[in-house]
Amino acid sequence: MKLIKNLEIKALHVLIANLFIVLKMVIIPKENKNIYVKNAVLVLMLFVIILLIEVI
């Protein structure tokens, strides 16, 4: 149970870090960065789905 909680905390930290990266990309509006923002959001969504599956 402790191991699972530690993994969840680590996953949350990674999730928060990814959110900050996405926010930084969104804050800097450049036409060529739109592709990267979309990719980052897709990766983030995949990570959230994987995280939910792992938790359940």
Protein backbone atom coordinates (compact mmCIF):
# COMPACT_ATOMS: atom_id res chain seq x y z
CA MET A 1 0.00 0.00 0.00
CA LYS A 2 2.88 2.37 0.83
CA LEU A 3 4.57 1.64 -2.51
CA ILE A 4 1.37 2.46 -4.43
CA LYS A 5 1.00 5.77 -2.55
CA ASN A 6 4.64 6.69 -3.30
CA LEU A 7 4.09 5.91 -7.00
CA GLU A 8 0.92 8.04 -7.01
CA ILE A 9 2.81 10.97 -5.45
CA LYS A 10 5.63 10.62 -8.02
CA ALA A 11 3.05 10.43 -10.83
CA LEU A 12 1.37 13.60 -9.49
CA HIS A 13 4.72 15.42 -9.48
CA VAL A 14 5.33 14.36 -13.11
CA LEU A 15 1.78 15.44 -14.01
CA ILE A 16 2.28 18.87 -12.39
CA ALA A 17 5.64 19.26 -14.17
CA ASN A 18 3.99 18.38 -17.51
CA LEU A 19 1.21 20.90 -16.84
CA PHE A 20 3.82 23.61 -16.23
CA ILE A 21 5.57 22.71 -19.52
CA VAL A 22 2.24 22.95 -21.37
CA LEU A 23 1.44 26.27 -19.66
CA LYS A 24 4.85 27.68 -20.62
CA MET A 25 4.25 26.63 -24.24
CA VAL A 26 0.79 28.20 -24.22
CA ILE A 27 2.06 31.45 -22.64
CA ILE A 28 4.63 31.83 -25.47
CA PRO A 29 2.33 32.22 -28.50
CA LYS A 30 4.19 31.30 -31.66
CA GLU A 31 2.61 29.77 -34.74
CA ASN A 32 5.28 27.08 -35.02
CA LYS A 33 4.70 26.06 -31.38
CA ASN A 34 1.00 25.19 -31.90
CA ILE A 35 1.98 21.69 -33.11
CA TYR A 36 4.09 21.14 -29.99
CA VAL A 37 1.29 22.37 -27.71
CA LYS A 38 -1.19 19.97 -29.34
CA ASN A 39 1.29 17.09 -28.97
CA ALA A 40 1.99 18.01 -25.33
CA VAL A 41 -1.73 18.10 -24.55
CA LEU A 42 -2.23 14.69 -26.21
CA VAL A 43 0.67 13.20 -24.24
CA LEU A 44 -0.73 14.75 -21.04
CA MET A 45 -4.19 13.30 -21.74
CA LEU A 46 -2.66 9.86 -22.38
CA PHE A 47 -0.69 10.15 -19.13
CA VAL A 48 -3.87 11.05 -17.20
CA ILE A 49 -5.72 8.06 -18.71
CA ILE A 50 -2.82 5.72 -17.83
CA LEU A 51 -2.69 7.22 -14.31
CA LEU A 52 -6.45 6.65 -13.82
CA ILE A 53 -6.11 3.04 -15.01
CA GLU A 54 -3.17 2.48 -12.62
CA VAL A 55 -5.07 3.98 -9.66
CA ILE A 56 -8.23 1.93 -10.38
